N, C-alpha and C. Protein backbone atom coordinates (compact mmCIF):
# COMPACT_ATOMS: atom_id res chain seq x y z
N MET A 1 13.82 20.46 -29.81
CA MET A 1 12.46 20.69 -29.69
C MET A 1 11.30 19.67 -29.57
N ASN A 2 11.94 18.56 -29.79
CA ASN A 2 10.61 17.26 -29.80
C ASN A 2 10.63 17.26 -28.26
N VAL A 3 11.58 17.22 -27.68
CA VAL A 3 11.39 16.95 -26.12
C VAL A 3 10.63 18.01 -25.28
N ILE A 4 10.89 19.21 -25.73
CA ILE A 4 10.40 20.39 -25.02
C ILE A 4 8.51 20.03 -25.51
N THR A 5 8.35 19.47 -26.50
CA THR A 5 7.07 19.71 -27.31
C THR A 5 6.36 18.39 -26.45
N LYS A 6 7.05 17.25 -26.07
CA LYS A 6 6.47 16.17 -25.32
C LYS A 6 6.27 16.56 -23.91
N ILE A 7 7.24 17.36 -23.34
CA ILE A 7 7.20 17.72 -22.00
C ILE A 7 5.87 18.84 -21.80
N ARG A 8 5.69 19.74 -22.84
CA ARG A 8 4.47 20.35 -22.70
C ARG A 8 3.29 19.56 -22.84
N HIS A 9 3.22 18.68 -23.57
CA HIS A 9 2.05 17.94 -24.18
C HIS A 9 1.44 16.96 -22.46
N PHE A 10 2.57 16.70 -22.07
CA PHE A 10 2.72 15.91 -20.99
C PHE A 10 1.85 16.70 -19.78
N ILE A 11 2.58 17.76 -19.69
CA ILE A 11 1.87 19.00 -18.55
C ILE A 11 0.49 19.44 -18.91
N VAL A 12 0.21 19.46 -20.09
CA VAL A 12 -1.17 20.14 -20.28
C VAL A 12 -1.98 18.94 -20.27
N SER A 13 -1.94 17.54 -20.67
CA SER A 13 -2.88 16.72 -20.77
C SER A 13 -3.23 16.34 -19.41
N GLU A 14 -4.10 15.51 -19.20
CA GLU A 14 -4.83 14.84 -18.11
C GLU A 14 -4.07 13.49 -17.49
N ASP A 15 -3.03 12.94 -18.45
CA ASP A 15 -2.49 11.91 -18.12
C ASP A 15 -1.78 11.76 -16.76
N GLY A 16 -0.85 12.90 -16.71
CA GLY A 16 -0.03 13.17 -15.73
C GLY A 16 -0.55 13.02 -14.33
N PRO A 17 -1.73 13.93 -13.93
CA PRO A 17 -2.25 14.11 -12.83
C PRO A 17 -3.12 12.49 -12.50
N THR A 18 -3.35 12.14 -13.45
CA THR A 18 -4.15 11.06 -13.43
C THR A 18 -3.23 9.76 -12.64
N ALA A 19 -2.21 9.84 -13.52
CA ALA A 19 -1.13 8.92 -12.86
C ALA A 19 -0.87 8.82 -11.79
N VAL A 20 -0.42 10.13 -11.19
CA VAL A 20 -0.16 10.63 -9.86
C VAL A 20 -1.36 10.16 -8.76
N GLU A 21 -2.50 10.49 -9.00
CA GLU A 21 -3.59 10.14 -8.17
C GLU A 21 -3.68 8.62 -8.31
N TYR A 22 -3.55 7.80 -9.02
CA TYR A 22 -3.66 6.29 -8.90
C TYR A 22 -2.47 5.84 -8.33
N ALA A 23 -1.22 6.69 -8.26
CA ALA A 23 -0.01 6.07 -7.59
C ALA A 23 -0.35 6.43 -6.06
N VAL A 24 -0.72 7.66 -5.89
CA VAL A 24 -1.49 7.69 -4.36
C VAL A 24 -2.38 6.82 -3.76
N MET A 25 -3.29 6.40 -4.41
CA MET A 25 -4.43 5.27 -4.10
C MET A 25 -3.55 4.01 -3.87
N LEU A 26 -2.60 3.57 -4.75
CA LEU A 26 -2.05 2.55 -4.78
C LEU A 26 -1.17 2.38 -3.46
N ALA A 27 -0.42 3.74 -3.19
CA ALA A 27 0.34 3.57 -2.03
C ALA A 27 -0.62 3.49 -0.73
N LEU A 28 -1.61 4.18 -0.95
CA LEU A 28 -2.65 3.90 0.53
C LEU A 28 -3.16 2.87 0.70
N ILE A 29 -3.51 2.15 -0.58
CA ILE A 29 -3.97 0.94 -0.20
C ILE A 29 -3.02 -0.18 0.06
N ILE A 30 -1.65 -0.24 -0.31
CA ILE A 30 -0.56 -0.82 0.26
C ILE A 30 -0.29 -0.82 1.89
N ILE A 31 -0.35 0.33 2.29
CA ILE A 31 -0.16 0.84 3.60
C ILE A 31 -1.20 0.19 4.36
N VAL A 32 -2.45 0.32 4.14
CA VAL A 32 -3.74 -0.35 4.64
C VAL A 32 -3.60 -1.90 4.82
N CYS A 33 -3.30 -2.50 3.59
CA CYS A 33 -3.22 -3.64 3.69
C CYS A 33 -2.00 -4.18 4.75
N LEU A 34 -0.57 -3.67 4.48
CA LEU A 34 0.54 -3.97 5.72
C LEU A 34 -0.21 -3.79 6.92
N THR A 35 -0.62 -2.63 7.31
CA THR A 35 -1.17 -2.62 8.57
C THR A 35 -2.29 -3.79 9.20
N ALA A 36 -3.06 -3.80 8.23
CA ALA A 36 -3.82 -5.12 8.53
C ALA A 36 -3.48 -6.37 8.54
N ILE A 37 -2.43 -6.74 7.77
CA ILE A 37 -1.62 -8.25 7.93
C ILE A 37 -0.81 -8.01 9.05
N ASN A 38 0.03 -6.98 9.61
CA ASN A 38 0.93 -6.92 10.64
C ASN A 38 -0.26 -7.07 11.97
N SER A 39 -1.61 -6.39 12.20
CA SER A 39 -2.34 -6.41 13.34
C SER A 39 -2.75 -8.16 13.46
N LEU A 40 -3.46 -8.60 11.96
CA LEU A 40 -3.57 -9.82 12.05
C LEU A 40 -2.37 -10.95 12.51
N GLY A 41 -1.36 -10.63 12.22
CA GLY A 41 -0.09 -11.50 12.51
C GLY A 41 0.13 -11.42 14.19
N SER A 42 0.11 -10.25 14.46
CA SER A 42 0.36 -10.17 15.92
C SER A 42 -1.16 -10.65 16.80
N ASN A 43 -2.28 -10.48 16.25
CA ASN A 43 -3.36 -11.47 16.94
C ASN A 43 -3.13 -12.84 17.06
N ALA A 44 -2.81 -13.28 15.71
CA ALA A 44 -2.84 -14.81 15.71
C ALA A 44 -1.46 -15.22 16.60
N ASN A 45 -0.54 -14.45 16.67
CA ASN A 45 0.38 -14.95 17.47
C ASN A 45 0.38 -14.99 19.02
N THR A 46 -0.23 -14.37 19.55
CA THR A 46 -0.96 -14.09 20.85
C THR A 46 -1.60 -15.34 20.96
N THR A 47 -2.68 -15.59 20.04
CA THR A 47 -3.51 -16.72 20.12
C THR A 47 -2.97 -18.23 20.33
N PHE A 48 -2.21 -18.14 19.40
CA PHE A 48 -1.21 -19.35 19.38
C PHE A 48 -0.24 -19.41 20.77
N ASN A 49 0.08 -18.38 21.20
CA ASN A 49 0.71 -18.51 22.53
C ASN A 49 -0.05 -18.79 23.37
N ASN A 50 -1.33 -18.26 23.42
CA ASN A 50 -2.21 -18.66 24.66
C ASN A 50 -2.64 -20.37 24.64
N VAL A 51 -2.82 -20.61 23.43
CA VAL A 51 -3.26 -22.13 23.29
C VAL A 51 -1.93 -22.99 23.64
N ALA A 52 -0.91 -22.73 23.32
CA ALA A 52 0.48 -23.35 23.69
C ALA A 52 0.59 -23.55 24.86
N ASN A 53 0.36 -22.40 25.74
CA ASN A 53 0.69 -22.35 27.29
C ASN A 53 -0.53 -23.31 27.99
N SER A 54 -1.78 -23.13 27.36
CA SER A 54 -2.92 -23.83 27.86
C SER A 54 -2.45 -25.76 27.70
N ILE A 55 -1.95 -25.86 26.79
CA ILE A 55 -1.52 -27.35 26.15
C ILE A 55 -0.57 -27.33 27.06
N GLY A 56 0.35 -26.74 27.34
CA GLY A 56 1.60 -27.04 28.33
C GLY A 56 1.41 -27.27 29.61
N SER A 57 0.68 -26.66 30.06
CA SER A 57 0.28 -26.65 31.58
C SER A 57 -0.50 -27.73 32.02
């Protein structure tokens, strides 16, 4: 019965939904950061290639 009581308390309390909201926000922040890093990396690679080609010519 102790487990059932804990599950019931978890469902009724606000801690469960709050934790899920924080997890979703964290996942979205991570996705945005990874996308930005990927974009910056691609732009930096293009810039370095252009400079290398200019120096090599």
